[in-house]
Amino acid sequence: MFPKHNSSIKELHRHHIELNAK
């Protein structure tokens, strides 16, 4: 529905995963 918002969420998720991976 909101590709722009989805992109932001995906990026945030990626950051969270990277932080968790540390």
PDB file of N, CA and C in Angstrom:
ATOM      1  N   MET A   1       0.845  -1.192   0.000  1.00  0.00           N
ATOM      2  CA  MET A   1       0.000   0.000   0.000  1.00  0.00           C
ATOM      3  C   MET A   1       0.888   1.252   0.000  1.00  0.00           C
ATOM      4  N   PHE A   2       1.826   1.271   0.925  1.00  0.00           N
ATOM      5  CA  PHE A   2       2.747   2.422   1.000  1.00  0.00           C
ATOM      6  C   PHE A   2       4.186   1.968   0.748  1.00  0.00           C
ATOM      7  N   PRO A   3       4.565   1.885  -0.509  1.00  0.00           N
ATOM      8  CA  PRO A   3       5.921   1.441  -0.859  1.00  0.00           C
ATOM      9  C   PRO A   3       6.989   2.267  -0.155  1.00  0.00           C
ATOM     10  N   LYS A   4       6.765   3.578  -0.091  1.00  0.00           N
ATOM     11  CA  LYS A   4       7.763   4.452   0.554  1.00  0.00           C
ATOM     12  C   LYS A   4       7.905   4.053   2.028  1.00  0.00           C
ATOM     13  N   HIS A   5       6.784   3.897   2.693  1.00  0.00           N
ATOM     14  CA  HIS A   5       6.817   3.544   4.118  1.00  0.00           C
ATOM     15  C   HIS A   5       7.432   2.151   4.288  1.00  0.00           C
ATOM     16  N   ASN A   6       7.046   1.250   3.387  1.00  0.00           N
ATOM     17  CA  ASN A   6       7.565  -0.112   3.452  1.00  0.00           C
ATOM     18  C   ASN A   6       9.083  -0.094   3.359  1.00  0.00           C
ATOM     19  N   SER A   7       9.594   0.740   2.489  1.00  0.00           N
ATOM     20  CA  SER A   7      11.051   0.830   2.303  1.00  0.00           C
ATOM     21  C   SER A   7      11.697   1.256   3.620  1.00  0.00           C
ATOM     22  N   SER A   8      11.102   2.209   4.272  1.00  0.00           N
ATOM     23  CA  SER A   8      11.658   2.717   5.537  1.00  0.00           C
ATOM     24  C   SER A   8      11.665   1.596   6.577  1.00  0.00           C
ATOM     25  N   ILE A   9      10.568   0.881   6.650  1.00  0.00           N
ATOM     26  CA  ILE A   9      10.460  -0.210   7.631  1.00  0.00           C
ATOM     27  C   ILE A   9      11.503  -1.282   7.329  1.00  0.00           C
ATOM     28  N   LYS A  10      11.642  -1.598   6.046  1.00  0.00           N
ATOM     29  CA  LYS A  10      12.622  -2.632   5.662  1.00  0.00           C
ATOM     30  C   LYS A  10      14.024  -2.198   6.089  1.00  0.00           C
ATOM     31  N   GLU A  11      14.337  -0.953   5.859  1.00  0.00           N
ATOM     32  CA  GLU A  11      15.679  -0.454   6.217  1.00  0.00           C
ATOM     33  C   GLU A  11      15.852  -0.524   7.742  1.00  0.00           C
ATOM     34  N   LEU A  12      14.807  -0.136   8.455  1.00  0.00           N
ATOM     35  CA  LEU A  12      14.881  -0.161   9.919  1.00  0.00           C
ATOM     36  C   LEU A  12      15.082  -1.600  10.392  1.00  0.00           C
ATOM     37  N   HIS A  13      14.358  -2.520   9.785  1.00  0.00           N
ATOM     38  CA  HIS A  13      14.482  -3.934  10.145  1.00  0.00           C
ATOM     39  C   HIS A  13      15.915  -4.400   9.920  1.00  0.00           C
ATOM     40  N   ARG A  14      16.467  -3.973   8.774  1.00  0.00           N
ATOM     41  CA  ARG A  14      17.838  -4.387   8.433  1.00  0.00           C
ATOM     42  C   ARG A  14      18.791  -3.873   9.520  1.00  0.00           C
ATOM     43  N   HIS A  15      18.589  -2.648   9.934  1.00  0.00           N
ATOM     44  CA  HIS A  15      19.461  -2.068  10.964  1.00  0.00           C
ATOM     45  C   HIS A  15      19.327  -2.872  12.260  1.00  0.00           C
ATOM     46  N   HIS A  16      18.105  -3.221  12.596  1.00  0.00           N
ATOM     47  CA  HIS A  16      17.851  -3.984  13.814  1.00  0.00           C
ATOM     48  C   HIS A  16      18.560  -5.331  13.742  1.00  0.00           C
ATOM     49  N   ILE A  17      18.455  -5.979  12.598  1.00  0.00           N
ATOM     50  CA  ILE A  17      19.090  -7.290  12.409  1.00  0.00           C
ATOM     51  C   ILE A  17      20.601  -7.148  12.545  1.00  0.00           C
ATOM     52  N   GLU A  18      21.146  -6.109  11.919  1.00  0.00           N
ATOM     53  CA  GLU A  18      22.601  -5.905  11.985  1.00  0.00           C
ATOM     54  C   GLU A  18      23.022  -5.701  13.440  1.00  0.00           C
ATOM     55  N   LEU A  19      22.249  -4.929  14.173  1.00  0.00           N
ATOM     56  CA  LEU A  19      22.574  -4.664  15.581  1.00  0.00           C
ATOM     57  C   LEU A  19      22.476  -5.963  16.379  1.00  0.00           C
ATOM     58  N   ASN A  20      21.464  -6.756  16.078  1.00  0.00           N
ATOM     59  CA  ASN A  20      21.273  -8.028  16.777  1.00  0.00           C
ATOM     60  C   ASN A  20      22.404  -8.997  16.442  1.00  0.00           C
ATOM     61  N   ALA A  21      22.870  -8.926  15.208  1.00  0.00           N
ATOM     62  CA  ALA A  21      23.928  -9.840  14.763  1.00  0.00           C
ATOM     63  C   ALA A  21      25.231  -9.548  15.514  1.00  0.00           C
ATOM     64  N   LYS A  22      25.395  -8.295  15.908  1.00  0.00           N
ATOM     65  CA  LYS A  22      26.669  -7.933  16.575  1.00  0.00           C
ATOM     66  C   LYS A  22      26.871  -8.746  17.838  1.00  0.00           C
TER      67      LYS A  22
END
